[in-house]
C-alpha atoms as a PDB file:
ATOM      1  CA  UNK A   1      -4.731  19.431   4.985  1.00  0.00           C
ATOM      2  CA  UNK A   2      -1.095  18.990   4.049  1.00  0.00           C
ATOM      3  CA  UNK A   3      -0.076  15.892   5.980  1.00  0.00           C
ATOM      4  CA  UNK A   4       0.902  12.807   3.975  1.00  0.00           C
ATOM      5  CA  UNK A   5      -1.726  10.217   3.108  1.00  0.00           C
ATOM      6  CA  UNK A   6      -0.601   6.592   3.293  1.00  0.00           C
ATOM      7  CA  UNK A   7      -2.494   3.931   1.349  1.00  0.00           C
ATOM      8  CA  UNK A   8      -2.184   0.446   2.837  1.00  0.00           C
ATOM      9  CA  UNK A   9      -3.657  -2.869   1.764  1.00  0.00           C
ATOM     10  CA  UNK A  10      -2.879  -6.123   0.037  1.00  0.00           C
ATOM     11  CA  UNK A  11      -1.448  -6.464  -3.461  1.00  0.00           C
ATOM     12  CA  UNK A  12      -4.142  -5.808  -6.027  1.00  0.00           C
ATOM     13  CA  UNK A  13      -6.279  -3.509  -3.849  1.00  0.00           C
ATOM     14  CA  UNK A  14      -5.499  -0.509  -6.058  1.00  0.00           C
ATOM     15  CA  UNK A  15      -3.029   1.500  -3.958  1.00  0.00           C
ATOM     16  CA  UNK A  16      -1.085   2.786  -6.964  1.00  0.00           C
ATOM     17  CA  UNK A  17      -4.088   3.384  -9.249  1.00  0.00           C
ATOM     18  CA  UNK A  18      -6.106   5.067  -6.507  1.00  0.00           C
ATOM     19  CA  UNK A  19      -3.036   6.880  -5.206  1.00  0.00           C
ATOM     20  CA  UNK A  20      -2.311   8.545  -8.540  1.00  0.00           C
ATOM     21  CA  UNK A  21      -5.951   9.650  -8.915  1.00  0.00           C
ATOM     22  CA  UNK A  22      -6.178  10.803  -5.286  1.00  0.00           C
ATOM     23  CA  UNK A  23      -2.964  12.828  -5.569  1.00  0.00           C
ATOM     24  CA  UNK A  24      -4.319  14.448  -8.721  1.00  0.00           C
ATOM     25  CA  UNK A  25      -7.624  15.292  -7.012  1.00  0.00           C
ATOM     26  CA  UNK A  26      -5.806  16.861  -4.044  1.00  0.00           C
ATOM     27  CA  UNK A  27      -3.001  18.522  -6.003  1.00  0.00           C
ATOM     28  CA  UNK A  28      -0.525  16.364  -4.037  1.00  0.00           C
ATOM     29  CA  UNK A  29       2.601  14.516  -5.157  1.00  0.00           C
ATOM     30  CA  UNK A  30       2.406  10.737  -5.528  1.00  0.00           C
ATOM     31  CA  UNK A  31       5.023   8.193  -4.479  1.00  0.00           C
ATOM     32  CA  UNK A  32       4.887   4.398  -4.555  1.00  0.00           C
ATOM     33  CA  UNK A  33       7.357   2.907  -2.047  1.00  0.00           C
ATOM     34  CA  UNK A  34       8.009  -0.154  -4.238  1.00  0.00           C
ATOM     35  CA  UNK A  35       8.759   2.084  -7.237  1.00  0.00           C
ATOM     36  CA  UNK A  36      10.936   4.319  -5.057  1.00  0.00           C
ATOM     37  CA  UNK A  37      12.952   1.248  -3.994  1.00  0.00           C
ATOM     38  CA  UNK A  38      13.249   0.115  -7.612  1.00  0.00           C
ATOM     39  CA  UNK A  39      14.533   3.553  -8.654  1.00  0.00           C
ATOM     40  CA  UNK A  40      16.926   4.132  -5.750  1.00  0.00           C
ATOM     41  CA  UNK A  41      18.399   0.615  -5.601  1.00  0.00           C
ATOM     42  CA  UNK A  42      18.134  -0.151  -9.336  1.00  0.00           C
ATOM     43  CA  UNK A  43      16.861  -3.573  -8.256  1.00  0.00           C
ATOM     44  CA  UNK A  44      13.408  -5.141  -8.405  1.00  0.00           C
ATOM     45  CA  UNK A  45      11.751  -6.463  -5.272  1.00  0.00           C
ATOM     46  CA  UNK A  46      12.619  -9.949  -6.545  1.00  0.00           C
ATOM     47  CA  UNK A  47      16.303  -8.944  -6.918  1.00  0.00           C
ATOM     48  CA  UNK A  48      16.469  -7.443  -3.417  1.00  0.00           C
ATOM     49  CA  UNK A  49      14.813 -10.523  -1.913  1.00  0.00           C
ATOM     50  CA  UNK A  50      17.176 -12.825  -3.848  1.00  0.00           C
ATOM     51  CA  UNK A  51      20.244 -10.913  -2.602  1.00  0.00           C
ATOM     52  CA  UNK A  52      19.202  -9.858   0.905  1.00  0.00           C
ATOM     53  CA  UNK A  53      16.255 -12.082   1.819  1.00  0.00           C
ATOM     54  CA  UNK A  54      12.870 -10.839   2.992  1.00  0.00           C
ATOM     55  CA  UNK A  55      14.401  -9.278   6.124  1.00  0.00           C
ATOM     56  CA  UNK A  56      16.732  -7.165   3.972  1.00  0.00           C
ATOM     57  CA  UNK A  57      13.839  -6.123   1.761  1.00  0.00           C
ATOM     58  CA  UNK A  58      11.692  -5.183   4.784  1.00  0.00           C
ATOM     59  CA  UNK A  59      14.549  -3.055   6.197  1.00  0.00           C
ATOM     60  CA  UNK A  60      14.884  -1.229   2.876  1.00  0.00           C
ATOM     61  CA  UNK A  61      11.096  -0.846   2.702  1.00  0.00           C
ATOM     62  CA  UNK A  62      11.016   0.825   6.147  1.00  0.00           C
ATOM     63  CA  UNK A  63      13.788   3.194   5.073  1.00  0.00           C
ATOM     64  CA  UNK A  64      11.891   4.026   1.887  1.00  0.00           C
ATOM     65  CA  UNK A  65       8.757   4.852   3.904  1.00  0.00           C
ATOM     66  CA  UNK A  66      10.652   7.406   5.968  1.00  0.00           C
ATOM     67  CA  UNK A  67      12.464   8.820   2.918  1.00  0.00           C
ATOM     68  CA  UNK A  68       9.290   9.504   0.916  1.00  0.00           C
ATOM     69  CA  UNK A  69       7.207  10.898   3.781  1.00  0.00           C
ATOM     70  CA  UNK A  70       6.567  14.567   3.057  1.00  0.00           C
ATOM     71  CA  UNK A  71       3.698  17.056   3.261  1.00  0.00           C
ATOM     72  CA  UNK A  72       1.239  17.112   0.351  1.00  0.00           C
ATOM     73  CA  UNK A  73       2.122  13.557  -0.692  1.00  0.00           C
ATOM     74  CA  UNK A  74       0.015  10.459  -1.306  1.00  0.00           C
ATOM     75  CA  UNK A  75       2.119   7.365  -0.583  1.00  0.00           C
ATOM     76  CA  UNK A  76       1.206   3.908  -1.881  1.00  0.00           C
ATOM     77  CA  UNK A  77       2.923   1.421   0.417  1.00  0.00           C
ATOM     78  CA  UNK A  78       3.979  -2.140  -0.271  1.00  0.00           C
ATOM     79  CA  UNK A  79       1.470  -4.744   0.897  1.00  0.00           C
ATOM     80  CA  UNK A  80       3.772  -5.853   3.713  1.00  0.00           C
ATOM     81  CA  UNK A  81       4.608  -2.360   5.007  1.00  0.00           C
ATOM     82  CA  UNK A  82       2.301  -2.926   7.993  1.00  0.00           C
ATOM     83  CA  UNK A  83       4.238  -5.995   9.169  1.00  0.00           C
ATOM     84  CA  UNK A  84       6.649  -3.828  11.197  1.00  0.00           C
ATOM     85  CA  UNK A  85       4.983  -2.182  14.177  1.00  0.00           C
ATOM     86  CA  UNK A  86       7.395   0.741  13.768  1.00  0.00           C
ATOM     87  CA  UNK A  87       6.008   1.355  10.254  1.00  0.00           C
ATOM     88  CA  UNK A  88       2.393   1.250  11.453  1.00  0.00           C
ATOM     89  CA  UNK A  89       3.211   3.687  14.254  1.00  0.00           C
ATOM     90  CA  UNK A  90       5.258   5.966  11.962  1.00  0.00           C
ATOM     91  CA  UNK A  91       2.425   6.238   9.425  1.00  0.00           C
ATOM     92  CA  UNK A  92      -0.217   6.896  12.097  1.00  0.00           C
ATOM     93  CA  UNK A  93       1.930   9.606  13.702  1.00  0.00           C
ATOM     94  CA  UNK A  94       3.032  11.334  10.493  1.00  0.00           C
ATOM     95  CA  UNK A  95      -0.088  11.298   8.350  1.00  0.00           C
ATOM     96  CA  UNK A  96      -3.459   9.793   7.587  1.00  0.00           C
ATOM     97  CA  UNK A  97      -3.591   6.053   6.885  1.00  0.00           C
ATOM     98  CA  UNK A  98      -6.252   4.712   4.511  1.00  0.00           C
ATOM     99  CA  UNK A  99      -6.782   0.941   4.292  1.00  0.00           C
ATOM    100  CA  UNK A 100      -8.103  -0.057   0.867  1.00  0.00           C
ATOM    101  CA  UNK A 101      -9.980  -3.225   1.821  1.00  0.00           C
ATOM    102  CA  UNK A 102     -11.042  -5.881  -0.686  1.00  0.00           C
ATOM    103  CA  UNK A 103     -11.837  -9.602  -0.307  1.00  0.00           C
ATOM    104  CA  UNK A 104      -9.158 -12.118  -1.256  1.00  0.00           C
ATOM    105  CA  UNK A 105     -11.125 -13.425  -4.263  1.00  0.00           C
ATOM    106  CA  UNK A 106     -11.262  -9.946  -5.844  1.00  0.00           C
ATOM    107  CA  UNK A 107      -7.572  -9.305  -5.139  1.00  0.00           C
ATOM    108  CA  UNK A 108      -6.617 -12.647  -6.689  1.00  0.00           C
ATOM    109  CA  UNK A 109      -8.729 -12.084  -9.800  1.00  0.00           C
ATOM    110  CA  UNK A 110      -7.150  -8.624 -10.290  1.00  0.00           C
ATOM    111  CA  UNK A 111      -3.641 -10.021  -9.931  1.00  0.00           C
ATOM    112  CA  UNK A 112      -4.397 -12.854 -12.353  1.00  0.00           C
ATOM    113  CA  UNK A 113      -5.933 -10.415 -14.873  1.00  0.00           C
ATOM    114  CA  UNK A 114      -2.936  -8.056 -14.773  1.00  0.00           C
ATOM    115  CA  UNK A 115       0.196 -10.044 -14.013  1.00  0.00           C
ATOM    116  CA  UNK A 116       3.130  -7.653 -13.628  1.00  0.00           C
ATOM    117  CA  UNK A 117       6.483  -8.093 -15.267  1.00  0.00           C
ATOM    118  CA  UNK A 118       9.002  -8.926 -12.557  1.00  0.00           C
ATOM    119  CA  UNK A 119       6.225  -9.269  -9.997  1.00  0.00           C
ATOM    120  CA  UNK A 120       7.577  -9.756  -6.535  1.00  0.00           C
ATOM    121  CA  UNK A 121       8.330 -13.342  -5.570  1.00  0.00           C
ATOM    122  CA  UNK A 122       5.664 -15.469  -3.965  1.00  0.00           C
ATOM    123  CA  UNK A 123       5.587 -15.345  -0.178  1.00  0.00           C
ATOM    124  CA  UNK A 124       4.220 -18.856   0.179  1.00  0.00           C
ATOM    125  CA  UNK A 125       5.108 -20.673  -3.057  1.00  0.00           C
ATOM    126  CA  UNK A 126       1.398 -21.400  -3.546  1.00  0.00           C
ATOM    127  CA  UNK A 127      -1.048 -20.423  -6.317  1.00  0.00           C
ATOM    128  CA  UNK A 128      -2.018 -16.726  -6.243  1.00  0.00           C
ATOM    129  CA  UNK A 129      -5.546 -17.238  -4.861  1.00  0.00           C
ATOM    130  CA  UNK A 130      -4.307 -19.460  -2.030  1.00  0.00           C
ATOM    131  CA  UNK A 131      -1.476 -17.047  -1.244  1.00  0.00           C
ATOM    132  CA  UNK A 132      -3.758 -13.998  -1.158  1.00  0.00           C
ATOM    133  CA  UNK A 133      -6.227 -15.733   1.176  1.00  0.00           C
ATOM    134  CA  UNK A 134      -3.389 -16.743   3.513  1.00  0.00           C
ATOM    135  CA  UNK A 135      -1.551 -13.390   3.424  1.00  0.00           C
ATOM    136  CA  UNK A 136      -4.730 -11.355   3.859  1.00  0.00           C
ATOM    137  CA  UNK A 137      -5.769 -13.488   6.838  1.00  0.00           C
ATOM    138  CA  UNK A 138      -2.373 -12.842   8.437  1.00  0.00           C
ATOM    139  CA  UNK A 139      -2.357  -9.082   7.723  1.00  0.00           C
ATOM    140  CA  UNK A 140      -6.006  -7.959   7.979  1.00  0.00           C
ATOM    141  CA  UNK A 141      -5.711  -7.025  11.668  1.00  0.00           C
ATOM    142  CA  UNK A 142      -2.494  -5.087  10.967  1.00  0.00           C
ATOM    143  CA  UNK A 143      -4.114  -3.096   8.144  1.00  0.00           C
ATOM    144  CA  UNK A 144      -7.020  -2.258  10.445  1.00  0.00           C
ATOM    145  CA  UNK A 145      -4.673  -1.378  13.297  1.00  0.00           C
ATOM    146  CA  UNK A 146      -2.690   1.020  11.098  1.00  0.00           C
ATOM    147  CA  UNK A 147      -5.710   2.664   9.456  1.00  0.00           C
ATOM    148  CA  UNK A 148      -7.398   5.893  10.401  1.00  0.00           C
ATOM    149  CA  UNK A 149     -10.036   5.103   7.724  1.00  0.00           C
ATOM    150  CA  UNK A 150     -11.089   1.884   5.974  1.00  0.00           C
ATOM    151  CA  UNK A 151     -12.433   2.233   2.432  1.00  0.00           C
ATOM    152  CA  UNK A 152     -14.143  -0.426   0.299  1.00  0.00           C
ATOM    153  CA  UNK A 153     -11.713  -1.049  -2.568  1.00  0.00           C
ATOM    154  CA  UNK A 154     -14.041  -3.264  -4.610  1.00  0.00           C
ATOM    155  CA  UNK A 155     -15.480  -0.297  -6.509  1.00  0.00           C
ATOM    156  CA  UNK A 156     -14.109   1.722  -9.429  1.00  0.00           C
ATOM    157  CA  UNK A 157     -11.011   3.858  -8.787  1.00  0.00           C
ATOM    158  CA  UNK A 158     -13.160   7.002  -9.136  1.00  0.00           C
ATOM    159  CA  UNK A 159     -15.600   5.768  -6.475  1.00  0.00           C
ATOM    160  CA  UNK A 160     -12.742   4.776  -4.171  1.00  0.00           C
ATOM    161  CA  UNK A 161     -11.151   8.234  -4.542  1.00  0.00           C
ATOM    162  CA  UNK A 162     -14.514   9.845  -3.780  1.00  0.00           C
ATOM    163  CA  UNK A 163     -14.861   7.679  -0.644  1.00  0.00           C
ATOM    164  CA  UNK A 164     -11.324   8.571   0.496  1.00  0.00           C
ATOM    165  CA  UNK A 165     -11.977  12.287  -0.077  1.00  0.00           C
ATOM    166  CA  UNK A 166     -15.234  12.016   1.901  1.00  0.00           C
ATOM    167  CA  UNK A 167     -13.438  10.258   4.782  1.00  0.00           C
ATOM    168  CA  UNK A 168     -10.690  12.903   4.788  1.00  0.00           C
ATOM    169  CA  UNK A 169     -13.229  15.733   4.695  1.00  0.00           C
ATOM    170  CA  UNK A 170     -15.280  14.250   7.532  1.00  0.00           C
ATOM    171  CA  UNK A 171     -12.172  13.693   9.673  1.00  0.00           C
ATOM    172  CA  UNK A 172     -10.784  17.136   8.899  1.00  0.00           C
ATOM    173  CA  UNK A 173     -14.093  18.844   9.683  1.00  0.00           C
ATOM    174  CA  UNK A 174     -14.388  17.237  13.115  1.00  0.00           C
END
């Protein structure tokens, strides 16, 4: 299998951590669309949103998705990548989409345990747990709609990678 693998899911589900390990296991390249945007624009997500609003950020995010799509690549997408139907369709048509699913409480506890420098601005202006519950409720159906495979992301990164590899193997064998 050489087609790209897209990891989708909410902030804190482990897309970057799992993506790096998965790429290593497969001998693929790894790209994080948020990091790609940071590198190519020399602006953080917060800076882009401050200058161009969320619509401007989402446009740039869609462009980044298309720019980084390549064979033999694991791509960690931003949590909101699935908001645009064109992005969901693009990922499904150009690769394999894996939804790393975790409950809101686990996502919130991970984000509180490892706050990032320059973390993207709040979407709702509410405390992290409340925001995650609200955002996940709004996006869950979109993650499922985009996904070829749904993997439980509450386990260790090694177990998640093993589950992704098993799902890929099963799909590829059929």
